[in-house]
Amino acid sequence: MNNKTELIKKIVTYALFVILGVFIALISLNLIKYAEIENKQNIIAKENEIKKNIIAKENLEKKKDEYLKKEILSNLNVQAKAFQIKTLGTDKILFQKNEEKILGIASLTKMATSIVSLDEYENDTEIEIKKSFLFTANNHELISREIFNSKDLTEFMFIVSSNVASLALSYGGTLVEENHKIFLEKMNDLAEKIGMKSTIFFSDSGLDVNSNVSGSYSTAKDISKLIKYLYEQYPDFAVNTAVSEKNICSNIMCHEIKNTNPLLNTVPGIKLSKTGWTKKAQGNLALIYEFGGQEYSIVILNSTKEGRFADAEQLIFGIQNYVLKK
């Protein structure tokens, strides 16, 4: 009996030790689990704190940046009704005003004309100047039956803003109206393709349709997209046209032409330039400008004929001031 009692006691004692061991193990596991949870919560809290600090710092930097841009812009004397300056690559907006206002753009239209011409014609395509194209007094001494390489004529058109050349290109050197219609459709297809949502081209040149209607309409925001596309997709064309003067020859004669943008003679860093002016659209200008290793698109709409160049100088000064103060 005593042996049996002793055995029972030993079993009970062993069982109690086992239960106690399990209990202690469970407590230990829970403590570890709680410690892990607490550690994770601490890590998350620290990460959230770091994120808050980063966001707060970014917001502070953004506010400082916006204040700097407003301060610089307030000291600039810009006549244009609308403008936009953006960095190429990052599309960061430096300065803008009425950037979504739809306005006549005059010969800035010829940037789209150039793109379609460069896309459609092979370099050896011959374009003839027809007598009926010489409707404007400002024909830049082009004469009937001159034949140009399409690339050369596109550069000629762009540099001197020739309405005769833009018409010849849009007709493909023919008198077939359907060719002209298709060319204009491709210009508007281009605008849609690159996200120019507020743009319409009624003409290849941008000449006013009449005293009340411009040849093309767009916004500073849209033109920023157009000049960026032209510059990035056709770098050789940009190099060949961002010149103060150039000699371009046809089958009959050579033309010594001068750029319509006088800033190319005085302002270093201009990588691409297109001017535009009509009575209806007034003074317009689009540039790609480089400063401090960064390229910027500058679009100026509805200034005056001479004021557009003064506006560009002011905005270029603003870019330089912004970069140096950052």
C-alpha atoms as a PDB file:
ATOM      1  CA  MET A   1       0.000   0.000   0.000  1.00  0.00           C
ATOM      2  CA  ASN A   2       2.780   2.371   0.952  1.00  0.00           C
ATOM      3  CA  ASN A   3       4.575   1.592  -2.310  1.00  0.00           C
ATOM      4  CA  LYS A   4       1.430   2.326  -4.270  1.00  0.00           C
ATOM      5  CA  THR A   5       0.909   5.623  -2.446  1.00  0.00           C
ATOM      6  CA  GLU A   6       4.496   6.629  -3.073  1.00  0.00           C
ATOM      7  CA  LEU A   7       4.096   5.832  -6.764  1.00  0.00           C
ATOM      8  CA  ILE A   8       0.957   7.955  -6.985  1.00  0.00           C
ATOM      9  CA  LYS A   9       2.712  10.820  -5.246  1.00  0.00           C
ATOM     10  CA  LYS A  10       5.618  10.597  -7.689  1.00  0.00           C
ATOM     11  CA  ILE A  11       3.237  10.544 -10.677  1.00  0.00           C
ATOM     12  CA  VAL A  12       1.276  13.522  -9.352  1.00  0.00           C
ATOM     13  CA  THR A  13       4.491  15.407  -8.628  1.00  0.00           C
ATOM     14  CA  TYR A  14       5.830  14.654 -12.107  1.00  0.00           C
ATOM     15  CA  ALA A  15       2.531  15.726 -13.650  1.00  0.00           C
ATOM     16  CA  LEU A  16       2.608  18.962 -11.666  1.00  0.00           C
ATOM     17  CA  PHE A  17       6.154  19.656 -12.859  1.00  0.00           C
ATOM     18  CA  VAL A  18       5.100  18.962 -16.457  1.00  0.00           C
ATOM     19  CA  ILE A  19       2.063  21.263 -16.127  1.00  0.00           C
ATOM     20  CA  LEU A  20       4.211  23.907 -14.483  1.00  0.00           C
ATOM     21  CA  GLY A  21       6.790  23.579 -17.283  1.00  0.00           C
ATOM     22  CA  VAL A  22       4.135  23.930 -19.941  1.00  0.00           C
ATOM     23  CA  PHE A  23       2.658  26.924 -18.118  1.00  0.00           C
ATOM     24  CA  ILE A  24       6.053  28.582 -17.845  1.00  0.00           C
ATOM     25  CA  ALA A  25       6.763  27.839 -21.526  1.00  0.00           C
ATOM     26  CA  LEU A  26       3.412  29.377 -22.544  1.00  0.00           C
ATOM     27  CA  ILE A  27       4.116  32.435 -20.452  1.00  0.00           C
ATOM     28  CA  SER A  28       7.574  32.719 -22.021  1.00  0.00           C
ATOM     29  CA  LEU A  29       6.173  32.387 -25.528  1.00  0.00           C
ATOM     30  CA  ASN A  30       3.538  35.034 -24.823  1.00  0.00           C
ATOM     31  CA  LEU A  31       6.153  37.342 -23.344  1.00  0.00           C
ATOM     32  CA  ILE A  32       8.301  36.873 -26.466  1.00  0.00           C
ATOM     33  CA  LYS A  33       5.252  37.438 -28.673  1.00  0.00           C
ATOM     34  CA  TYR A  34       4.290  40.583 -26.788  1.00  0.00           C
ATOM     35  CA  ALA A  35       7.898  41.770 -26.940  1.00  0.00           C
ATOM     36  CA  GLU A  36       7.946  41.205 -30.702  1.00  0.00           C
ATOM     37  CA  ILE A  37       4.636  43.059 -31.116  1.00  0.00           C
ATOM     38  CA  GLU A  38       5.867  45.899 -28.961  1.00  0.00           C
ATOM     39  CA  ASN A  39       9.124  45.999 -30.935  1.00  0.00           C
ATOM     40  CA  LYS A  40       7.235  46.061 -34.232  1.00  0.00           C
ATOM     41  CA  GLN A  41       4.981  48.816 -32.897  1.00  0.00           C
ATOM     42  CA  ASN A  42       8.032  50.800 -31.852  1.00  0.00           C
ATOM     43  CA  ILE A  43       9.610  50.303 -35.274  1.00  0.00           C
ATOM     44  CA  ILE A  44       6.370  51.350 -37.013  1.00  0.00           C
ATOM     45  CA  ALA A  45       6.080  54.362 -34.727  1.00  0.00           C
ATOM     46  CA  LYS A  46       9.669  55.365 -35.509  1.00  0.00           C
ATOM     47  CA  GLU A  47       9.087  54.865 -39.243  1.00  0.00           C
ATOM     48  CA  ASN A  48       5.928  56.964 -39.063  1.00  0.00           C
ATOM     49  CA  GLU A  49       7.808  59.647 -37.179  1.00  0.00           C
ATOM     50  CA  ILE A  50      10.564  59.617 -39.803  1.00  0.00           C
ATOM     51  CA  LYS A  51       7.946  59.837 -42.578  1.00  0.00           C
ATOM     52  CA  LYS A  52       6.229  62.743 -40.827  1.00  0.00           C
ATOM     53  CA  ASN A  53       9.544  64.537 -40.495  1.00  0.00           C
ATOM     54  CA  ILE A  54      10.353  63.915 -44.172  1.00  0.00           C
ATOM     55  CA  ILE A  55       6.905  65.133 -45.270  1.00  0.00           C
ATOM     56  CA  ALA A  56       7.184  68.155 -42.994  1.00  0.00           C
ATOM     57  CA  LYS A  57      10.623  68.931 -44.418  1.00  0.00           C
ATOM     58  CA  GLU A  58       9.382  68.467 -47.991  1.00  0.00           C
ATOM     59  CA  ASN A  59       6.387  70.717 -47.316  1.00  0.00           C
ATOM     60  CA  LEU A  60       8.672  73.333 -45.815  1.00  0.00           C
ATOM     61  CA  GLU A  61      11.016  73.139 -48.810  1.00  0.00           C
ATOM     62  CA  LYS A  62       8.027  73.328 -51.150  1.00  0.00           C
ATOM     63  CA  LYS A  63       6.709  76.419 -49.365  1.00  0.00           C
ATOM     64  CA  LYS A  64      10.154  78.021 -49.502  1.00  0.00           C
ATOM     65  CA  ASP A  65      10.413  77.154 -53.195  1.00  0.00           C
ATOM     66  CA  GLU A  66       6.984  78.601 -53.967  1.00  0.00           C
ATOM     67  CA  TYR A  67       7.769  81.736 -51.998  1.00  0.00           C
ATOM     68  CA  LEU A  68      11.067  82.167 -53.861  1.00  0.00           C
ATOM     69  CA  LYS A  69       9.362  81.771 -57.248  1.00  0.00           C
ATOM     70  CA  LYS A  70       6.608  84.250 -56.322  1.00  0.00           C
ATOM     71  CA  GLU A  71       9.167  86.731 -55.046  1.00  0.00           C
ATOM     72  CA  ILE A  72      11.229  86.486 -58.250  1.00  0.00           C
ATOM     73  CA  LEU A  73       8.174  86.660 -60.506  1.00  0.00           C
ATOM     74  CA  SER A  74       6.826  89.725 -58.701  1.00  0.00           C
ATOM     75  CA  ASN A  75      10.015  91.578 -59.621  1.00  0.00           C
ATOM     76  CA  LEU A  76       9.836  90.697 -63.314  1.00  0.00           C
ATOM     77  CA  ASN A  77       8.238  92.999 -65.857  1.00  0.00           C
ATOM     78  CA  VAL A  78       6.423  90.658 -68.262  1.00  0.00           C
ATOM     79  CA  GLN A  79       3.882  92.058 -70.716  1.00  0.00           C
ATOM     80  CA  ALA A  80       2.559  88.771 -72.105  1.00  0.00           C
ATOM     81  CA  LYS A  81      -0.984  87.743 -71.334  1.00  0.00           C
ATOM     82  CA  ALA A  82       0.136  84.139 -70.786  1.00  0.00           C
ATOM     83  CA  PHE A  83       3.406  82.271 -70.265  1.00  0.00           C
ATOM     84  CA  GLN A  84       4.893  79.095 -68.828  1.00  0.00           C
ATOM     85  CA  ILE A  85       8.434  78.052 -67.934  1.00  0.00           C
ATOM     86  CA  LYS A  86       9.171  74.385 -67.211  1.00  0.00           C
ATOM     87  CA  THR A  87      12.226  72.219 -66.755  1.00  0.00           C
ATOM     88  CA  LEU A  88      12.755  69.591 -69.426  1.00  0.00           C
ATOM     89  CA  GLY A  89      12.890  66.069 -68.068  1.00  0.00           C
ATOM     90  CA  THR A  90      11.181  66.675 -64.729  1.00  0.00           C
ATOM     91  CA  ASP A  91       8.502  69.064 -66.051  1.00  0.00           C
ATOM     92  CA  LYS A  92       8.851  71.209 -62.954  1.00  0.00           C
ATOM     93  CA  ILE A  93       7.006  74.502 -63.364  1.00  0.00           C
ATOM     94  CA  LEU A  94       9.048  77.552 -62.444  1.00  0.00           C
ATOM     95  CA  PHE A  95       6.793  80.402 -63.515  1.00  0.00           C
ATOM     96  CA  GLN A  96       3.425  80.568 -65.209  1.00  0.00           C
ATOM     97  CA  LYS A  97       0.464  82.846 -65.818  1.00  0.00           C
ATOM     98  CA  ASN A  98      -2.822  82.063 -67.565  1.00  0.00           C
ATOM     99  CA  GLU A  99      -1.122  78.904 -68.858  1.00  0.00           C
ATOM    100  CA  GLU A 100      -4.468  77.319 -69.810  1.00  0.00           C
ATOM    101  CA  LYS A 101      -5.929  80.386 -71.520  1.00  0.00           C
ATOM    102  CA  ILE A 102      -6.661  79.641 -75.179  1.00  0.00           C
ATOM    103  CA  LEU A 103      -5.057  82.229 -77.447  1.00  0.00           C
ATOM    104  CA  GLY A 104      -3.957  82.667 -81.041  1.00  0.00           C
ATOM    105  CA  ILE A 105      -0.394  81.428 -81.530  1.00  0.00           C
ATOM    106  CA  ALA A 106       0.519  82.799 -84.987  1.00  0.00           C
ATOM    107  CA  SER A 107       3.680  81.179 -86.408  1.00  0.00           C
ATOM    108  CA  LEU A 108       4.307  78.990 -83.379  1.00  0.00           C
ATOM    109  CA  THR A 109       2.051  76.816 -85.528  1.00  0.00           C
ATOM    110  CA  LYS A 110       5.094  76.135 -87.702  1.00  0.00           C
ATOM    111  CA  MET A 111       6.571  73.895 -85.002  1.00  0.00           C
ATOM    112  CA  ALA A 112       3.779  71.409 -85.771  1.00  0.00           C
ATOM    113  CA  THR A 113       4.224  72.043 -89.505  1.00  0.00           C
ATOM    114  CA  SER A 114       7.911  71.194 -89.143  1.00  0.00           C
ATOM    115  CA  ILE A 115       7.247  67.960 -87.249  1.00  0.00           C
ATOM    116  CA  VAL A 116       4.737  66.701 -89.828  1.00  0.00           C
ATOM    117  CA  SER A 117       7.078  67.708 -92.665  1.00  0.00           C
ATOM    118  CA  LEU A 118      10.050  65.918 -91.085  1.00  0.00           C
ATOM    119  CA  ASP A 119       7.890  62.839 -90.489  1.00  0.00           C
ATOM    120  CA  GLU A 120       6.220  62.719 -93.896  1.00  0.00           C
ATOM    121  CA  TYR A 121       8.963  63.575 -96.348  1.00  0.00           C
ATOM    122  CA  GLU A 122      12.173  61.717 -97.000  1.00  0.00           C
ATOM    123  CA  ASN A 123      15.273  63.934 -96.990  1.00  0.00           C
ATOM    124  CA  ASP A 124      15.502  63.799-100.763  1.00  0.00           C
ATOM    125  CA  THR A 125      11.858  64.796-101.369  1.00  0.00           C
ATOM    126  CA  GLU A 126      11.713  67.766-103.717  1.00  0.00           C
ATOM    127  CA  ILE A 127       9.269  70.572-102.923  1.00  0.00           C
ATOM    128  CA  GLU A 128       8.530  73.153-105.592  1.00  0.00           C
ATOM    129  CA  ILE A 129       7.542  76.757-104.908  1.00  0.00           C
ATOM    130  CA  LYS A 130       4.425  77.363-106.998  1.00  0.00           C
ATOM    131  CA  LYS A 131       3.589  80.832-108.291  1.00  0.00           C
ATOM    132  CA  SER A 132       0.238  80.769-106.491  1.00  0.00           C
ATOM    133  CA  PHE A 133       2.043  80.318-103.149  1.00  0.00           C
ATOM    134  CA  LEU A 134       3.703  83.740-103.494  1.00  0.00           C
ATOM    135  CA  PHE A 135       0.654  85.537-102.122  1.00  0.00           C
ATOM    136  CA  THR A 136       2.409  87.465 -99.383  1.00  0.00           C
ATOM    137  CA  ALA A 137       4.665  90.513 -99.665  1.00  0.00           C
ATOM    138  CA  ASN A 138       6.951  88.917 -97.100  1.00  0.00           C
ATOM    139  CA  ASN A 139       7.999  86.004 -99.301  1.00  0.00           C
ATOM    140  CA  HIS A 140      11.675  86.120 -98.253  1.00  0.00           C
ATOM    141  CA  GLU A 141      12.751  86.391-101.901  1.00  0.00           C
ATOM    142  CA  LEU A 142      11.476  82.963-102.814  1.00  0.00           C
ATOM    143  CA  ILE A 143      10.571  82.743-106.473  1.00  0.00           C
ATOM    144  CA  SER A 144       8.313  80.584-108.591  1.00  0.00           C
ATOM    145  CA  ARG A 145       9.684  77.179-109.688  1.00  0.00           C
ATOM    146  CA  GLU A 146      12.421  77.046-107.079  1.00  0.00           C
ATOM    147  CA  ILE A 147      12.831  73.471-105.890  1.00  0.00           C
ATOM    148  CA  PHE A 148      14.138  72.655-102.406  1.00  0.00           C
ATOM    149  CA  ASN A 149      15.062  69.542-100.539  1.00  0.00           C
ATOM    150  CA  SER A 150      12.149  69.138 -98.068  1.00  0.00           C
ATOM    151  CA  LYS A 151      14.464  69.200 -95.039  1.00  0.00           C
ATOM    152  CA  ASP A 152      16.140  72.395 -96.259  1.00  0.00           C
ATOM    153  CA  LEU A 153      12.801  74.057 -96.955  1.00  0.00           C
ATOM    154  CA  THR A 154      11.528  73.064 -93.496  1.00  0.00           C
ATOM    155  CA  GLU A 155      14.574  74.705 -91.915  1.00  0.00           C
ATOM    156  CA  PHE A 156      14.096  77.759 -94.146  1.00  0.00           C
ATOM    157  CA  MET A 157      10.457  78.026 -93.060  1.00  0.00           C
ATOM    158  CA  PHE A 158      11.339  77.675 -89.390  1.00  0.00           C
ATOM    159  CA  ILE A 159      14.228  80.146 -89.289  1.00  0.00           C
ATOM    160  CA  VAL A 160      12.582  83.030 -91.168  1.00  0.00           C
ATOM    161  CA  SER A 161       8.984  81.987 -90.404  1.00  0.00           C
ATOM    162  CA  SER A 162       8.143  81.793 -94.103  1.00  0.00           C
ATOM    163  CA  ASN A 163       4.439  81.438 -94.871  1.00  0.00           C
ATOM    164  CA  VAL A 164       5.249  80.614 -98.497  1.00  0.00           C
ATOM    165  CA  ALA A 165       7.473  77.722 -97.418  1.00  0.00           C
ATOM    166  CA  SER A 166       4.875  76.374 -94.964  1.00  0.00           C
ATOM    167  CA  LEU A 167       2.245  76.421 -97.716  1.00  0.00           C
ATOM    168  CA  ALA A 168       4.556  74.651-100.166  1.00  0.00           C
ATOM    169  CA  LEU A 169       5.330  71.980 -97.569  1.00  0.00           C
ATOM    170  CA  SER A 170       1.689  71.435 -96.660  1.00  0.00           C
ATOM    171  CA  TYR A 171       0.783  70.988-100.335  1.00  0.00           C
ATOM    172  CA  GLY A 172       3.824  68.801-100.928  1.00  0.00           C
ATOM    173  CA  GLY A 173       4.998  71.107-103.680  1.00  0.00           C
ATOM    174  CA  THR A 174       1.792  70.468-105.644  1.00  0.00           C
ATOM    175  CA  LEU A 175      -1.490  72.335-106.114  1.00  0.00           C
ATOM    176  CA  VAL A 176      -3.591  69.399-104.904  1.00  0.00           C
ATOM    177  CA  GLU A 177      -5.981  70.632-102.212  1.00  0.00           C
ATOM    178  CA  GLU A 178      -6.424  67.142-100.780  1.00  0.00           C
ATOM    179  CA  ASN A 179      -2.697  67.039 -99.899  1.00  0.00           C
ATOM    180  CA  HIS A 180      -3.093  70.255 -97.918  1.00  0.00           C
ATOM    181  CA  LYS A 181      -6.173  68.932 -96.116  1.00  0.00           C
ATOM    182  CA  ILE A 182      -4.421  65.702 -95.128  1.00  0.00           C
ATOM    183  CA  PHE A 183      -1.356  67.627 -93.933  1.00  0.00           C
ATOM    184  CA  LEU A 184      -3.529  69.782 -91.621  1.00  0.00           C
ATOM    185  CA  GLU A 185      -5.252  66.662 -90.305  1.00  0.00           C
ATOM    186  CA  LYS A 186      -1.856  65.230 -89.413  1.00  0.00           C
ATOM    187  CA  MET A 187      -0.946  68.435 -87.578  1.00  0.00           C
ATOM    188  CA  ASN A 188      -4.085  68.121 -85.467  1.00  0.00           C
ATOM    189  CA  ASP A 189      -3.473  64.390 -84.985  1.00  0.00           C
ATOM    190  CA  LEU A 190      -0.025  65.308 -83.657  1.00  0.00           C
ATOM    191  CA  ALA A 191      -1.567  67.721 -81.159  1.00  0.00           C
ATOM    192  CA  GLU A 192      -3.874  64.984 -79.901  1.00  0.00           C
ATOM    193  CA  LYS A 193      -1.051  62.452 -79.762  1.00  0.00           C
ATOM    194  CA  ILE A 194       1.145  64.533 -77.449  1.00  0.00           C
ATOM    195  CA  GLY A 195      -1.689  65.712 -75.190  1.00  0.00           C
ATOM    196  CA  MET A 196      -2.307  69.218 -76.523  1.00  0.00           C
ATOM    197  CA  LYS A 197      -5.932  69.142 -75.399  1.00  0.00           C
ATOM    198  CA  SER A 198      -6.689  72.826 -76.038  1.00  0.00           C
ATOM    199  CA  THR A 199      -5.074  73.188 -79.463  1.00  0.00           C
ATOM    200  CA  ILE A 200      -6.467  73.406 -82.982  1.00  0.00           C
ATOM    201  CA  PHE A 201      -4.660  74.176 -86.221  1.00  0.00           C
ATOM    202  CA  PHE A 202      -6.686  75.826 -88.982  1.00  0.00           C
ATOM    203  CA  SER A 203      -3.640  76.607 -91.101  1.00  0.00           C
ATOM    204  CA  ASP A 204      -0.104  75.415 -91.760  1.00  0.00           C
ATOM    205  CA  SER A 205       1.382  78.871 -91.061  1.00  0.00           C
ATOM    206  CA  GLY A 206      -0.689  80.371 -88.252  1.00  0.00           C
ATOM    207  CA  LEU A 207      -1.708  83.380 -90.353  1.00  0.00           C
ATOM    208  CA  ASP A 208      -4.969  84.972 -89.197  1.00  0.00           C
ATOM    209  CA  VAL A 209      -8.006  83.657 -91.051  1.00  0.00           C
ATOM    210  CA  ASN A 210      -9.502  87.147 -90.769  1.00  0.00           C
ATOM    211  CA  SER A 211      -9.505  90.074 -88.333  1.00  0.00           C
ATOM    212  CA  ASN A 212     -11.547  88.059 -85.833  1.00  0.00           C
ATOM    213  CA  VAL A 213     -10.140  84.537 -86.180  1.00  0.00           C
ATOM    214  CA  SER A 214      -6.559  83.350 -85.703  1.00  0.00           C
ATOM    215  CA  GLY A 215      -4.985  80.683 -87.882  1.00  0.00           C
ATOM    216  CA  SER A 216      -4.363  78.423 -84.880  1.00  0.00           C
ATOM    217  CA  TYR A 217      -5.273  78.390 -81.198  1.00  0.00           C
ATOM    218  CA  SER A 218      -3.478  76.892 -78.225  1.00  0.00           C
ATOM    219  CA  THR A 219      -2.302  77.544 -74.666  1.00  0.00           C
ATOM    220  CA  ALA A 220       1.085  78.158 -73.074  1.00  0.00           C
ATOM    221  CA  LYS A 221       0.702  74.772 -71.397  1.00  0.00           C
ATOM    222  CA  ASP A 222       0.137  73.007 -74.728  1.00  0.00           C
ATOM    223  CA  ILE A 223       2.906  74.847 -76.574  1.00  0.00           C
ATOM    224  CA  SER A 224       5.311  73.763 -73.807  1.00  0.00           C
ATOM    225  CA  LYS A 225       4.512  70.172 -74.798  1.00  0.00           C
ATOM    226  CA  LEU A 226       4.941  70.911 -78.507  1.00  0.00           C
ATOM    227  CA  ILE A 227       8.359  72.570 -78.280  1.00  0.00           C
ATOM    228  CA  LYS A 228       9.595  69.879 -75.900  1.00  0.00           C
ATOM    229  CA  TYR A 229       8.488  67.172 -78.341  1.00  0.00           C
ATOM    230  CA  LEU A 230      10.150  68.930 -81.281  1.00  0.00           C
ATOM    231  CA  TYR A 231      13.380  69.447 -79.346  1.00  0.00           C
ATOM    232  CA  GLU A 232      13.626  65.903 -77.990  1.00  0.00           C
ATOM    233  CA  GLN A 233      12.483  64.024 -81.092  1.00  0.00           C
ATOM    234  CA  TYR A 234      14.404  66.092 -83.674  1.00  0.00           C
ATOM    235  CA  PRO A 235      17.647  67.235 -82.006  1.00  0.00           C
ATOM    236  CA  ASP A 236      19.475  67.758 -85.319  1.00  0.00           C
ATOM    237  CA  PHE A 237      16.711  70.053 -86.536  1.00  0.00           C
ATOM    238  CA  ALA A 238      17.025  72.086 -83.320  1.00  0.00           C
ATOM    239  CA  VAL A 239      20.774  72.473 -83.831  1.00  0.00           C
ATOM    240  CA  ASN A 240      20.340  73.434 -87.483  1.00  0.00           C
ATOM    241  CA  THR A 241      17.699  76.106 -86.816  1.00  0.00           C
ATOM    242  CA  ALA A 242      18.919  77.716 -83.568  1.00  0.00           C
ATOM    243  CA  VAL A 243      21.241  79.933 -85.578  1.00  0.00           C
ATOM    244  CA  SER A 244      21.238  83.670 -86.192  1.00  0.00           C
ATOM    245  CA  GLU A 245      21.764  83.218 -89.944  1.00  0.00           C
ATOM    246  CA  LYS A 246      22.140  80.465 -92.504  1.00  0.00           C
ATOM    247  CA  ASN A 247      22.648  79.834 -96.219  1.00  0.00           C
ATOM    248  CA  ILE A 248      20.023  77.567 -97.826  1.00  0.00           C
ATOM    249  CA  CYS A 249      20.013  76.761-101.540  1.00  0.00           C
ATOM    250  CA  SER A 250      17.422  75.679-104.070  1.00  0.00           C
ATOM    251  CA  ASN A 251      17.963  74.455-107.614  1.00  0.00           C
ATOM    252  CA  ILE A 252      18.033  78.069-108.786  1.00  0.00           C
ATOM    253  CA  MET A 253      19.695  80.170-106.111  1.00  0.00           C
ATOM    254  CA  CYS A 254      21.015  80.365-102.558  1.00  0.00           C
ATOM    255  CA  HIS A 255      19.306  82.370 -99.838  1.00  0.00           C
ATOM    256  CA  GLU A 256      21.222  84.037 -97.006  1.00  0.00           C
ATOM    257  CA  ILE A 257      18.568  84.111 -94.288  1.00  0.00           C
ATOM    258  CA  LYS A 258      18.425  85.597 -90.799  1.00  0.00           C
ATOM    259  CA  ASN A 259      16.555  84.240 -87.815  1.00  0.00           C
ATOM    260  CA  THR A 260      13.445  86.121 -86.708  1.00  0.00           C
ATOM    261  CA  ASN A 261      14.631  85.916 -83.092  1.00  0.00           C
ATOM    262  CA  PRO A 262      17.278  88.601 -82.397  1.00  0.00           C
ATOM    263  CA  LEU A 263      18.018  87.052 -78.980  1.00  0.00           C
ATOM    264  CA  LEU A 264      20.115  84.413 -80.722  1.00  0.00           C
ATOM    265  CA  ASN A 265      22.707  87.152 -81.235  1.00  0.00           C
ATOM    266  CA  THR A 266      22.769  88.289 -77.608  1.00  0.00           C
ATOM    267  CA  VAL A 267      21.617  85.493 -75.285  1.00  0.00           C
ATOM    268  CA  PRO A 268      23.789  82.360 -74.981  1.00  0.00           C
ATOM    269  CA  GLY A 269      22.082  79.083 -74.158  1.00  0.00           C
ATOM    270  CA  ILE A 270      19.149  79.191 -76.603  1.00  0.00           C
ATOM    271  CA  LYS A 271      18.856  75.657 -78.028  1.00  0.00           C
ATOM    272  CA  LEU A 272      15.651  76.064 -80.058  1.00  0.00           C
ATOM    273  CA  SER A 273      13.587  79.104 -80.968  1.00  0.00           C
ATOM    274  CA  LYS A 274      10.342  79.901 -82.764  1.00  0.00           C
ATOM    275  CA  THR A 275       8.717  83.297 -83.138  1.00  0.00           C
ATOM    276  CA  GLY A 276       5.163  84.219 -84.076  1.00  0.00           C
ATOM    277  CA  TRP A 277       3.274  87.430 -84.708  1.00  0.00           C
ATOM    278  CA  THR A 278       0.006  88.465 -86.358  1.00  0.00           C
ATOM    279  CA  LYS A 279      -2.342  91.376 -85.706  1.00  0.00           C
ATOM    280  CA  LYS A 280      -4.857  89.032 -84.097  1.00  0.00           C
ATOM    281  CA  ALA A 281      -2.504  86.767 -82.124  1.00  0.00           C
ATOM    282  CA  GLN A 282       0.039  89.506 -81.317  1.00  0.00           C
ATOM    283  CA  GLY A 283       3.577  88.619 -80.179  1.00  0.00           C
ATOM    284  CA  ASN A 284       4.444  85.006 -79.381  1.00  0.00           C
ATOM    285  CA  LEU A 285       7.702  83.224 -78.673  1.00  0.00           C
ATOM    286  CA  ALA A 286       8.799  79.705 -77.711  1.00  0.00           C
ATOM    287  CA  LEU A 287      12.313  78.753 -76.605  1.00  0.00           C
ATOM    288  CA  ILE A 288      14.398  75.953 -75.234  1.00  0.00           C
ATOM    289  CA  TYR A 289      16.974  77.584 -72.985  1.00  0.00           C
ATOM    290  CA  GLU A 290      19.854  75.991 -71.076  1.00  0.00           C
ATOM    291  CA  PHE A 291      21.357  77.355 -67.878  1.00  0.00           C
ATOM    292  CA  GLY A 292      23.474  75.605 -65.261  1.00  0.00           C
ATOM    293  CA  GLY A 293      23.208  72.255 -67.017  1.00  0.00           C
ATOM    294  CA  GLN A 294      19.383  72.315 -66.984  1.00  0.00           C
ATOM    295  CA  GLU A 295      17.169  72.886 -70.015  1.00  0.00           C
ATOM    296  CA  TYR A 296      13.944  74.878 -69.802  1.00  0.00           C
ATOM    297  CA  SER A 297      11.010  75.442 -72.125  1.00  0.00           C
ATOM    298  CA  ILE A 298       9.847  79.061 -72.243  1.00  0.00           C
ATOM    299  CA  VAL A 299       6.514  79.897 -73.884  1.00  0.00           C
ATOM    300  CA  ILE A 300       5.214  83.455 -74.243  1.00  0.00           C
ATOM    301  CA  LEU A 301       1.773  84.199 -75.719  1.00  0.00           C
ATOM    302  CA  ASN A 302      -0.017  87.426 -76.581  1.00  0.00           C
ATOM    303  CA  SER A 303       2.727  89.912 -75.860  1.00  0.00           C
ATOM    304  CA  THR A 304       3.645  92.689 -78.294  1.00  0.00           C
ATOM    305  CA  LYS A 305       5.775  92.377 -81.401  1.00  0.00           C
ATOM    306  CA  GLU A 306       8.896  93.674 -79.643  1.00  0.00           C
ATOM    307  CA  GLY A 307       7.717  92.976 -76.105  1.00  0.00           C
ATOM    308  CA  ARG A 308       7.914  89.191 -76.557  1.00  0.00           C
ATOM    309  CA  PHE A 309      11.718  89.432 -76.722  1.00  0.00           C
ATOM    310  CA  ALA A 310      11.881  91.705 -73.681  1.00  0.00           C
ATOM    311  CA  ASP A 311       9.575  89.251 -71.895  1.00  0.00           C
ATOM    312  CA  ALA A 312      11.915  86.395 -72.770  1.00  0.00           C
ATOM    313  CA  GLU A 313      14.891  88.295 -71.368  1.00  0.00           C
ATOM    314  CA  GLN A 314      12.960  88.961 -68.165  1.00  0.00           C
ATOM    315  CA  LEU A 315      11.956  85.319 -67.771  1.00  0.00           C
ATOM    316  CA  ILE A 316      15.493  84.132 -68.530  1.00  0.00           C
ATOM    317  CA  PHE A 317      16.721  86.486 -65.816  1.00  0.00           C
ATOM    318  CA  GLY A 318      14.108  84.946 -63.538  1.00  0.00           C
ATOM    319  CA  ILE A 319      15.425  81.437 -64.281  1.00  0.00           C
ATOM    320  CA  GLN A 320      18.990  82.514 -63.536  1.00  0.00           C
ATOM    321  CA  ASN A 321      17.939  84.246 -60.323  1.00  0.00           C
ATOM    322  CA  TYR A 322      15.980  81.180 -59.194  1.00  0.00           C
ATOM    323  CA  VAL A 323      18.868  78.777 -59.868  1.00  0.00           C
ATOM    324  CA  LEU A 324      21.416  80.969 -58.093  1.00  0.00           C
ATOM    325  CA  LYS A 325      19.197  81.404 -55.011  1.00  0.00           C
ATOM    326  CA  LYS A 326      18.236  77.720 -54.651  1.00  0.00           C
END
